[in-house]
Protein backbone atom coordinates (compact mmCIF):
# COMPACT_ATOMS: atom_id res chain seq x y z
CA MET A 1 204.83 160.64 172.30
CA ALA A 2 201.53 162.36 172.89
CA ASP A 3 201.28 165.66 175.39
CA PHE A 4 197.33 164.64 175.75
CA GLU A 5 195.68 161.82 177.87
CA LEU A 6 194.09 158.83 176.29
CA PRO A 7 190.94 157.15 177.39
CA ASP A 8 191.42 153.62 177.09
CA THR A 9 194.60 152.68 175.55
CA MET A 10 195.91 150.02 174.57
CA ARG A 11 199.48 149.60 173.63
CA LEU A 12 200.46 146.88 170.80
CA ALA A 13 202.59 143.68 171.35
CA PRO A 14 205.92 144.13 169.08
CA ALA A 15 205.50 141.37 166.36
CA ARG A 16 207.98 138.52 167.10
CA ARG A 17 209.70 138.82 163.47
CA PRO A 18 210.81 141.65 161.85
CA PRO A 19 208.29 143.91 160.05
CA VAL A 20 208.79 144.76 156.79
CA GLY A 21 210.32 148.14 155.68
CA SER A 22 208.23 151.31 155.08
CA ALA A 23 208.74 151.19 151.04
CA GLU A 24 207.31 147.73 150.70
CA PHE A 25 204.28 148.32 153.16
CA ARG A 26 202.93 151.54 151.13
CA ALA A 27 203.36 149.75 148.00
CA ALA A 28 201.83 146.86 149.01
CA MET A 29 199.01 148.84 150.92
CA SER A 30 198.59 151.00 147.78
CA ALA A 31 197.06 148.15 145.69
CA MET A 32 194.37 148.33 148.42
CA ALA A 33 191.39 150.59 147.16
CA SER A 34 190.25 152.92 150.08
CA THR A 35 187.53 155.79 150.06
CA VAL A 36 188.89 159.24 150.32
CA SER A 37 187.39 160.62 154.01
CA VAL A 38 187.80 163.63 155.78
CA VAL A 39 188.65 163.54 159.14
CA THR A 40 187.39 167.29 161.33
CA ALA A 41 187.53 168.05 164.49
CA ARG A 42 186.21 171.88 166.15
CA ARG A 43 187.45 172.46 169.71
CA GLY A 44 186.27 176.14 170.07
CA ASP A 45 186.75 178.36 167.39
CA GLU A 46 189.27 176.05 165.94
CA ARG A 47 188.42 174.04 162.87
CA VAL A 48 190.93 171.12 161.97
CA GLY A 49 191.11 168.43 159.11
CA ARG A 50 193.01 165.89 157.46
CA THR A 51 192.05 163.33 154.42
CA VAL A 52 192.71 160.19 155.45
CA THR A 53 192.73 156.70 153.60
CA SER A 54 192.63 154.89 156.93
CA MET A 55 189.27 154.32 158.45
CA LEU A 56 186.85 151.46 158.69
CA SER A 57 183.74 150.05 159.94
CA LEU A 58 184.21 148.76 163.15
CA SER A 59 180.75 147.39 164.27
CA ILE A 60 176.71 148.19 163.37
CA ALA A 61 176.02 147.70 167.18
CA PRO A 62 176.48 149.93 168.32
CA PRO A 63 177.34 152.08 164.62
CA THR A 64 181.02 152.52 165.52
CA ILE A 65 183.80 153.46 163.06
CA LEU A 66 187.53 153.39 163.42
CA VAL A 67 190.27 155.89 162.60
CA SER A 68 193.65 156.63 162.38
CA ILE A 69 195.17 159.78 163.11
CA ASP A 70 199.06 161.10 163.40
CA ILE A 71 199.93 160.51 167.41
CA VAL A 72 201.84 164.26 166.92
CA SER A 73 198.98 165.87 165.02
CA ARG A 74 196.74 168.70 166.10
CA LEU A 75 194.16 166.66 164.84
CA ALA A 76 194.91 164.15 167.52
CA ASP A 77 195.35 166.72 169.93
CA MET A 78 191.75 168.10 169.01
CA ILE A 79 189.90 164.91 169.00
CA ALA A 80 191.40 163.83 172.37
CA LYS A 81 190.36 166.97 173.81
CA SER A 82 187.01 167.51 172.66
CA GLY A 83 185.95 163.93 172.28
CA GLY A 84 184.26 163.85 169.19
CA PHE A 85 184.89 164.05 165.61
CA SER A 86 183.70 164.47 162.50
CA LEU A 87 183.99 161.87 159.25
CA ALA A 88 183.15 163.22 155.29
CA LEU A 89 183.48 159.91 152.72
CA LEU A 90 184.37 162.41 150.08
CA ALA A 91 181.84 161.60 146.41
CA ASP A 92 184.07 161.54 143.32
CA ASP A 93 183.83 165.50 142.36
CA GLN A 94 185.35 166.09 145.97
CA ARG A 95 189.04 165.80 144.77
CA GLU A 96 189.72 169.38 145.41
CA ILE A 97 188.61 168.96 148.75
CA ALA A 98 190.95 165.24 149.10
CA ASP A 99 193.91 167.64 148.19
CA ALA A 100 193.47 170.49 150.42
CA PHE A 101 193.02 168.67 153.05
CA ALA A 102 196.05 166.17 152.08
CA GLY A 103 198.19 169.35 152.68
CA GLY A 104 197.62 170.67 149.35
CA ILE A 105 196.87 174.36 150.99
CA ASP A 106 197.72 176.08 154.39
CA PRO A 107 195.35 174.37 157.06
CA GLU A 108 193.81 178.09 157.93
CA GLY A 109 191.94 177.96 154.04
CA ARG A 110 191.06 174.33 153.81
CA PHE A 111 187.41 174.85 155.26
CA ASP A 112 187.27 177.20 151.88
CA VAL A 113 187.64 174.64 149.76
CA GLY A 114 184.05 172.90 149.28
CA SER A 115 180.88 173.69 151.46
CA TRP A 116 180.58 173.51 155.15
CA THR A 117 178.72 173.30 158.14
CA GLU A 118 178.14 171.78 161.42
CA TRP A 119 176.50 169.45 163.46
CA PRO A 120 174.97 170.08 166.42
CA SER A 121 177.76 168.98 168.21
CA GLY A 122 179.92 172.03 166.31
CA HIS A 123 182.13 169.68 164.51
CA PRO A 124 182.08 170.34 160.25
CA MET A 125 179.39 168.56 158.06
CA LEU A 126 180.81 168.49 154.58
CA ILE A 127 177.69 169.55 151.65
CA GLY A 128 178.02 166.84 149.23
CA ALA A 129 179.81 164.25 150.33
CA SER A 130 178.49 160.68 149.83
CA ALA A 131 178.20 160.47 153.46
CA ALA A 132 178.71 162.69 156.63
CA LEU A 133 179.30 161.12 160.19
CA ASP A 134 179.57 163.03 163.42
CA CYS A 135 181.33 160.29 166.28
CA GLU A 136 181.81 160.72 169.45
CA VAL A 137 184.79 158.75 170.94
CA THR A 138 184.16 155.83 172.53
CA GLY A 139 187.74 154.44 173.13
CA SER A 140 191.47 154.57 171.44
CA ILE A 141 194.71 152.37 170.76
CA GLU A 142 197.47 153.95 170.58
CA THR A 143 200.54 152.15 168.42
CA GLY A 144 202.83 154.68 168.39
CA THR A 145 202.99 156.59 166.08
CA HIS A 146 199.03 157.08 165.87
CA VAL A 147 196.04 156.77 167.46
CA LEU A 148 193.25 154.88 166.64
CA PHE A 149 190.26 156.76 167.55
CA ALA A 150 186.52 154.32 167.85
CA GLY A 151 183.61 157.07 167.34
CA THR A 152 180.56 156.15 167.65
CA VAL A 153 178.29 157.80 165.28
CA VAL A 154 176.24 159.90 166.41
CA GLU A 155 174.41 161.47 163.61
CA ALA A 156 174.71 160.30 159.91
CA GLU A 157 174.06 161.84 156.49
CA THR A 158 173.89 159.70 152.95
CA THR A 159 173.56 160.89 149.89
CA THR A 160 172.78 157.78 147.84
CA SER A 161 172.98 159.36 144.74
CA ARG A 162 176.77 160.34 144.97
CA SER A 163 179.78 157.26 143.80
CA PRO A 164 183.00 157.39 146.58
CA LEU A 165 185.66 159.19 145.31
CA LEU A 166 188.77 155.92 145.54
CA TRP A 167 192.44 155.75 146.25
CA GLN A 168 194.25 153.04 145.04
CA ARG A 169 197.87 152.89 143.85
CA HIS A 170 198.70 156.74 144.25
CA ARG A 171 195.72 157.91 142.25
CA TYR A 172 192.17 158.70 141.92
CA HIS A 173 190.01 156.79 140.76
CA GLY A 174 185.84 156.31 140.18
CA LEU A 175 183.50 153.58 141.08
CA SER A 176 183.19 153.28 136.61
CA GLY A 177 186.75 152.77 136.64
CA LEU A 178 190.34 154.26 136.20
CA ASP A 179 190.33 157.75 135.94
């Protein structure tokens, strides 16, 4: 259980039938191609971030996205306490950043990979991403192991000349085909 309080939480009801096993679920979800993103947050002098593929556009009015973050992670704690987060949709040449924030290097060195600045909110902003968003948390749902944070997009930068980095079948891909 989280050691922080979440605004507007809603617990999910248990399924009436038993769920599939985690291996079967992972195999099925690996078929889905997802844009690789990095979710980051800052509070005071501390910056944290994690590579995610569990994000989606929730609504256009207001412009809102949804990200899924492990409930016991430092990132979930930071997002809940700061009331915001930033998201970088990685470009196809940013695999090193994806690997770093997926645990490839220690958390203290992750922001040394790539070119980072910050949004007016103070949250980290990745330069050169396909798109970069700064979000204010406007809702959340606790699922037991993860928190779905709804973030209203308050700042956005898009680089239309960049193609996204995709993750499918446990490998990176580009839009032009399999890499």
